[in-house]
Amino acid sequence: LRIPFRAIDGQLDSHGCTVMVGRPY
């Protein structure tokens, strides 16, 4: 089961990064 996400505030390796979850598949 994969839960995709993408950064919407910052980069994934930065402190406090916010992500938006995509559609699971």
PDB file of all heavy atoms in Angstrom:
ATOM      1  N   LEU A   1       0.890  -1.141   0.000  1.00  0.00           N
ATOM      2  CA  LEU A   1       0.000   0.000   0.000  1.00  0.00           C
ATOM      3  C   LEU A   1       0.936   1.200   0.000  1.00  0.00           C
ATOM      4  O   LEU A   1       1.825   1.295   0.858  1.00  0.00           O
ATOM      5  CB  LEU A   1      -0.894   0.031   1.240  1.00  0.00           C
ATOM      6  CG  LEU A   1      -1.689   1.322   1.416  1.00  0.00           C
ATOM      7  CD1 LEU A   1      -2.685   1.526   0.266  1.00  0.00           C
ATOM      8  CD2 LEU A   1      -2.414   1.318   2.753  1.00  0.00           C
ATOM      9  N   ARG A   2       0.780   2.081  -0.955  1.00  0.00           N
ATOM     10  CA  ARG A   2       1.642   3.261  -1.052  1.00  0.00           C
ATOM     11  C   ARG A   2       0.809   4.511  -0.794  1.00  0.00           C
ATOM     12  O   ARG A   2      -0.259   4.682  -1.368  1.00  0.00           O
ATOM     13  CB  ARG A   2       2.300   3.328  -2.424  1.00  0.00           C
ATOM     14  CG  ARG A   2       3.185   4.561  -2.603  1.00  0.00           C
ATOM     15  CD  ARG A   2       4.148   4.406  -3.733  1.00  0.00           C
ATOM     16  NE  ARG A   2       5.240   3.524  -3.305  1.00  0.00           N
ATOM     17  CZ  ARG A   2       6.192   3.078  -4.116  1.00  0.00           C
ATOM     18  NH1 ARG A   2       6.192   3.404  -5.384  1.00  0.00           N
ATOM     19  NH2 ARG A   2       7.142   2.287  -3.645  1.00  0.00           N
ATOM     20  N   ILE A   3       1.347   5.369   0.075  1.00  0.00           N
ATOM     21  CA  ILE A   3       0.724   6.644   0.391  1.00  0.00           C
ATOM     22  C   ILE A   3       1.646   7.746  -0.136  1.00  0.00           C
ATOM     23  O   ILE A   3       2.646   8.084   0.498  1.00  0.00           O
ATOM     24  CB  ILE A   3       0.526   6.806   1.923  1.00  0.00           C
ATOM     25  CG1 ILE A   3      -0.108   5.569   2.562  1.00  0.00           C
ATOM     26  CG2 ILE A   3      -0.255   8.082   2.222  1.00  0.00           C
ATOM     27  CD1 ILE A   3      -1.465   5.195   2.019  1.00  0.00           C
ATOM     28  N   PRO A   4       1.329   8.300  -1.308  1.00  0.00           N
ATOM     29  CA  PRO A   4       2.201   9.327  -1.881  1.00  0.00           C
ATOM     30  C   PRO A   4       1.996  10.675  -1.188  1.00  0.00           C
ATOM     31  O   PRO A   4       0.917  10.953  -0.652  1.00  0.00           O
ATOM     32  CB  PRO A   4       1.757   9.391  -3.342  1.00  0.00           C
ATOM     33  CG  PRO A   4       0.325   8.978  -3.304  1.00  0.00           C
ATOM     34  CD  PRO A   4       0.206   7.985  -2.177  1.00  0.00           C
ATOM     35  N   PHE A   5       3.034  11.485  -1.197  1.00  0.00           N
ATOM     36  CA  PHE A   5       2.921  12.844  -0.667  1.00  0.00           C
ATOM     37  C   PHE A   5       3.865  13.747  -1.434  1.00  0.00           C
ATOM     38  O   PHE A   5       4.810  13.280  -2.064  1.00  0.00           O
ATOM     39  CB  PHE A   5       3.215  12.885   0.841  1.00  0.00           C
ATOM     40  CG  PHE A   5       4.569  12.353   1.228  1.00  0.00           C
ATOM     41  CD1 PHE A   5       5.703  13.155   1.169  1.00  0.00           C
ATOM     42  CD2 PHE A   5       4.711  11.040   1.658  1.00  0.00           C
ATOM     43  CE1 PHE A   5       6.945  12.659   1.529  1.00  0.00           C
ATOM     44  CE2 PHE A   5       5.945  10.530   2.024  1.00  0.00           C
ATOM     45  CZ  PHE A   5       7.074  11.353   1.960  1.00  0.00           C
ATOM     46  N   ARG A   6       3.580  15.047  -1.364  1.00  0.00           N
ATOM     47  CA  ARG A   6       4.483  16.015  -1.982  1.00  0.00           C
ATOM     48  C   ARG A   6       4.630  17.207  -1.047  1.00  0.00           C
ATOM     49  O   ARG A   6       3.702  17.561  -0.313  1.00  0.00           O
ATOM     50  CB  ARG A   6       4.026  16.437  -3.368  1.00  0.00           C
ATOM     51  CG  ARG A   6       2.771  17.227  -3.425  1.00  0.00           C
ATOM     52  CD  ARG A   6       2.458  17.634  -4.883  1.00  0.00           C
ATOM     53  NE  ARG A   6       1.199  18.326  -4.961  1.00  0.00           N
ATOM     54  CZ  ARG A   6       1.059  19.634  -4.770  1.00  0.00           C
ATOM     55  NH1 ARG A   6       2.084  20.389  -4.508  1.00  0.00           N
ATOM     56  NH2 ARG A   6      -0.132  20.192  -4.858  1.00  0.00           N
ATOM     57  N   ALA A   7       5.798  17.791  -1.073  1.00  0.00           N
ATOM     58  CA  ALA A   7       6.088  18.936  -0.219  1.00  0.00           C
ATOM     59  C   ALA A   7       5.296  20.150  -0.700  1.00  0.00           C
ATOM     60  O   ALA A   7       5.230  20.417  -1.893  1.00  0.00           O
ATOM     61  CB  ALA A   7       7.575  19.238  -0.234  1.00  0.00           C
ATOM     62  N   ILE A   8       4.686  20.859   0.250  1.00  0.00           N
ATOM     63  CA  ILE A   8       3.997  22.103  -0.106  1.00  0.00           C
ATOM     64  C   ILE A   8       4.614  23.288   0.624  1.00  0.00           C
ATOM     65  O   ILE A   8       4.320  24.425   0.313  1.00  0.00           O
ATOM     66  CB  ILE A   8       2.482  22.021   0.172  1.00  0.00           C
ATOM     67  CG1 ILE A   8       2.214  21.701   1.631  1.00  0.00           C
ATOM     68  CG2 ILE A   8       1.817  21.030  -0.746  1.00  0.00           C
ATOM     69  CD1 ILE A   8       0.765  21.851   2.019  1.00  0.00           C
ATOM     70  N   ASP A   9       5.461  22.988   1.613  1.00  0.00           N
ATOM     71  CA  ASP A   9       6.136  24.035   2.370  1.00  0.00           C
ATOM     72  C   ASP A   9       7.509  23.518   2.774  1.00  0.00           C
ATOM     73  O   ASP A   9       7.627  22.730   3.700  1.00  0.00           O
ATOM     74  CB  ASP A   9       5.302  24.392   3.611  1.00  0.00           C
ATOM     75  CG  ASP A   9       5.929  25.495   4.436  1.00  0.00           C
ATOM     76  OD1 ASP A   9       6.754  26.254   3.911  1.00  0.00           O
ATOM     77  OD2 ASP A   9       5.589  25.597   5.628  1.00  0.00           O
ATOM     78  N   GLY A  10       8.539  23.906   2.040  1.00  0.00           N
ATOM     79  CA  GLY A  10       9.885  23.427   2.316  1.00  0.00           C
ATOM     80  C   GLY A  10      10.221  22.198   1.487  1.00  0.00           C
ATOM     81  O   GLY A  10       9.442  21.750   0.648  1.00  0.00           O
ATOM     82  N   GLN A  11      11.409  21.650   1.741  1.00  0.00           N
ATOM     83  CA  GLN A  11      11.849  20.424   1.092  1.00  0.00           C
ATOM     84  C   GLN A  11      11.759  19.288   2.104  1.00  0.00           C
ATOM     85  O   GLN A  11      11.801  19.518   3.317  1.00  0.00           O
ATOM     86  CB  GLN A  11      13.284  20.562   0.589  1.00  0.00           C
ATOM     87  CG  GLN A  11      13.425  21.551  -0.545  1.00  0.00           C
ATOM     88  CD  GLN A  11      14.840  21.588  -1.093  1.00  0.00           C
ATOM     89  OE1 GLN A  11      15.793  21.215  -0.432  1.00  0.00           O
ATOM     90  NE2 GLN A  11      14.977  22.045  -2.325  1.00  0.00           N
ATOM     91  N   LEU A  12      11.656  18.068   1.599  1.00  0.00           N
ATOM     92  CA  LEU A  12      11.458  16.921   2.486  1.00  0.00           C
ATOM     93  C   LEU A  12      12.565  16.759   3.515  1.00  0.00           C
ATOM     94  O   LEU A  12      12.318  16.242   4.595  1.00  0.00           O
ATOM     95  CB  LEU A  12      11.311  15.632   1.672  1.00  0.00           C
ATOM     96  CG  LEU A  12      10.111  15.568   0.741  1.00  0.00           C
ATOM     97  CD1 LEU A  12      10.049  14.205   0.070  1.00  0.00           C
ATOM     98  CD2 LEU A  12       8.812  15.862   1.465  1.00  0.00           C
ATOM     99  N   ASP A  13      13.763  17.200   3.203  1.00  0.00           N
ATOM    100  CA  ASP A  13      14.863  17.036   4.155  1.00  0.00           C
ATOM    101  C   ASP A  13      15.039  18.242   5.081  1.00  0.00           C
ATOM    102  O   ASP A  13      15.983  18.300   5.844  1.00  0.00           O
ATOM    103  CB  ASP A  13      16.171  16.734   3.423  1.00  0.00           C
ATOM    104  CG  ASP A  13      16.638  17.872   2.538  1.00  0.00           C
ATOM    105  OD1 ASP A  13      15.835  18.794   2.260  1.00  0.00           O
ATOM    106  OD2 ASP A  13      17.803  17.840   2.126  1.00  0.00           O
ATOM    107  N   SER A  14      14.101  19.203   5.033  1.00  0.00           N
ATOM    108  CA  SER A  14      14.211  20.384   5.888  1.00  0.00           C
ATOM    109  C   SER A  14      13.271  20.275   7.092  1.00  0.00           C
ATOM    110  O   SER A  14      12.211  19.652   7.022  1.00  0.00           O
ATOM    111  CB  SER A  14      13.915  21.656   5.098  1.00  0.00           C
ATOM    112  OG  SER A  14      12.578  21.671   4.646  1.00  0.00           O
ATOM    113  N   HIS A  15      13.687  20.880   8.186  1.00  0.00           N
ATOM    114  CA  HIS A  15      12.905  20.880   9.423  1.00  0.00           C
ATOM    115  C   HIS A  15      11.574  21.608   9.204  1.00  0.00           C
ATOM    116  O   HIS A  15      11.544  22.681   8.613  1.00  0.00           O
ATOM    117  CB  HIS A  15      13.702  21.550  10.538  1.00  0.00           C
ATOM    118  CG  HIS A  15      12.971  21.602  11.832  1.00  0.00           C
ATOM    119  ND1 HIS A  15      12.720  20.473  12.585  1.00  0.00           N
ATOM    120  CD2 HIS A  15      12.413  22.635  12.506  1.00  0.00           C
ATOM    121  CE1 HIS A  15      12.056  20.813  13.662  1.00  0.00           C
ATOM    122  NE2 HIS A  15      11.859  22.130  13.646  1.00  0.00           N
ATOM    123  N   GLY A  16      10.479  21.022   9.655  1.00  0.00           N
ATOM    124  CA  GLY A  16       9.177  21.662   9.574  1.00  0.00           C
ATOM    125  C   GLY A  16       8.490  21.557   8.228  1.00  0.00           C
ATOM    126  O   GLY A  16       7.506  22.264   7.988  1.00  0.00           O
ATOM    127  N   CYS A  17       8.955  20.700   7.351  1.00  0.00           N
ATOM    128  CA  CYS A  17       8.355  20.535   6.024  1.00  0.00           C
ATOM    129  C   CYS A  17       6.903  20.061   6.154  1.00  0.00           C
ATOM    130  O   CYS A  17       6.590  19.153   6.915  1.00  0.00           O
ATOM    131  CB  CYS A  17       9.161  19.525   5.210  1.00  0.00           C
ATOM    132  SG  CYS A  17       8.457  19.172   3.593  1.00  0.00           S
ATOM    133  N   THR A  18       6.025  20.708   5.401  1.00  0.00           N
ATOM    134  CA  THR A  18       4.626  20.306   5.342  1.00  0.00           C
ATOM    135  C   THR A  18       4.382  19.603   4.020  1.00  0.00           C
ATOM    136  O   THR A  18       4.884  20.042   2.976  1.00  0.00           O
ATOM    137  CB  THR A  18       3.698  21.534   5.455  1.00  0.00           C
ATOM    138  OG1 THR A  18       3.974  22.208   6.683  1.00  0.00           O
ATOM    139  CG2 THR A  18       2.233  21.125   5.436  1.00  0.00           C
ATOM    140  N   VAL A  19       3.626  18.509   4.073  1.00  0.00           N
ATOM    141  CA  VAL A  19       3.338  17.740   2.863  1.00  0.00           C
ATOM    142  C   VAL A  19       1.836  17.610   2.658  1.00  0.00           C
ATOM    143  O   VAL A  19       1.050  17.737   3.606  1.00  0.00           O
ATOM    144  CB  VAL A  19       3.973  16.329   2.908  1.00  0.00           C
ATOM    145  CG1 VAL A  19       5.483  16.406   2.992  1.00  0.00           C
ATOM    146  CG2 VAL A  19       3.413  15.495   4.044  1.00  0.00           C
ATOM    147  N   MET A  20       1.458  17.374   1.414  1.00  0.00           N
ATOM    148  CA  MET A  20       0.072  17.064   1.079  1.00  0.00           C
ATOM    149  C   MET A  20       0.022  15.605   0.640  1.00  0.00           C
ATOM    150  O   MET A  20       0.809  15.179  -0.208  1.00  0.00           O
ATOM    151  CB  MET A  20      -0.442  17.960  -0.042  1.00  0.00           C
ATOM    152  CG  MET A  20      -1.909  17.676  -0.380  1.00  0.00           C
ATOM    153  SD  MET A  20      -2.611  18.835  -1.572  1.00  0.00           S
ATOM    154  CE  MET A  20      -1.749  18.355  -3.057  1.00  0.00           C
ATOM    155  N   VAL A  21      -0.904  14.862   1.210  1.00  0.00           N
ATOM    156  CA  VAL A  21      -1.051  13.438   0.910  1.00  0.00           C
ATOM    157  C   VAL A  21      -1.852  13.264  -0.375  1.00  0.00           C
ATOM    158  O   VAL A  21      -2.862  13.935  -0.587  1.00  0.00           O
ATOM    159  CB  VAL A  21      -1.737  12.709   2.090  1.00  0.00           C
ATOM    160  CG1 VAL A  21      -2.004  11.254   1.748  1.00  0.00           C
ATOM    161  CG2 VAL A  21      -0.891  12.819   3.346  1.00  0.00           C
ATOM    162  N   GLY A  22      -1.386  12.351  -1.230  1.00  0.00           N
ATOM    163  CA  GLY A  22      -2.085  12.027  -2.467  1.00  0.00           C
ATOM    164  C   GLY A  22      -3.020  10.840  -2.265  1.00  0.00           C
ATOM    165  O   GLY A  22      -3.236  10.370  -1.142  1.00  0.00           O
ATOM    166  N   ARG A  23      -3.546  10.333  -3.352  1.00  0.00           N
ATOM    167  CA  ARG A  23      -4.463   9.187  -3.297  1.00  0.00           C
ATOM    168  C   ARG A  23      -3.673   7.908  -3.049  1.00  0.00           C
ATOM    169  O   ARG A  23      -2.754   7.579  -3.788  1.00  0.00           O
ATOM    170  CB  ARG A  23      -5.233   9.057  -4.600  1.00  0.00           C
ATOM    171  CG  ARG A  23      -6.166   7.821  -4.590  1.00  0.00           C
ATOM    172  CD  ARG A  23      -7.124   7.823  -5.717  1.00  0.00           C
ATOM    173  NE  ARG A  23      -8.105   8.862  -5.437  1.00  0.00           N
ATOM    174  CZ  ARG A  23      -9.057   9.228  -6.285  1.00  0.00           C
ATOM    175  NH1 ARG A  23      -9.152   8.642  -7.451  1.00  0.00           N
ATOM    176  NH2 ARG A  23      -9.907  10.173  -5.962  1.00  0.00           N
ATOM    177  N   PRO A  24      -4.029   7.160  -2.003  1.00  0.00           N
ATOM    178  CA  PRO A  24      -3.361   5.871  -1.740  1.00  0.00           C
ATOM    179  C   PRO A  24      -3.606   4.890  -2.889  1.00  0.00           C
ATOM    180  O   PRO A  24      -4.641   4.948  -3.559  1.00  0.00           O
ATOM    181  CB  PRO A  24      -4.042   5.371  -0.467  1.00  0.00           C
ATOM    182  CG  PRO A  24      -4.680   6.569   0.148  1.00  0.00           C
ATOM    183  CD  PRO A  24      -5.039   7.467  -0.993  1.00  0.00           C
ATOM    184  N   TYR A  25      -2.639   4.001  -3.093  1.00  0.00           N
ATOM    185  CA  TYR A  25      -2.835   2.973  -4.102  1.00  0.00           C
ATOM    186  C   TYR A  25      -2.075   1.704  -3.734  1.00  0.00           C
ATOM    187  O   TYR A  25      -1.124   1.731  -2.961  1.00  0.00           O
ATOM    188  CB  TYR A  25      -2.457   3.463  -5.509  1.00  0.00           C
ATOM    189  CG  TYR A  25      -1.041   3.945  -5.685  1.00  0.00           C
ATOM    190  CD1 TYR A  25      -0.046   3.082  -6.146  1.00  0.00           C
ATOM    191  CD2 TYR A  25      -0.695   5.265  -5.431  1.00  0.00           C
ATOM    192  CE1 TYR A  25       1.253   3.525  -6.342  1.00  0.00           C
ATOM    193  CE2 TYR A  25       0.591   5.721  -5.627  1.00  0.00           C
ATOM    194  CZ  TYR A  25       1.565   4.846  -6.084  1.00  0.00           C
ATOM    195  OH  TYR A  25       2.846   5.286  -6.278  1.00  0.00           O
TER     196      TYR A  25
END
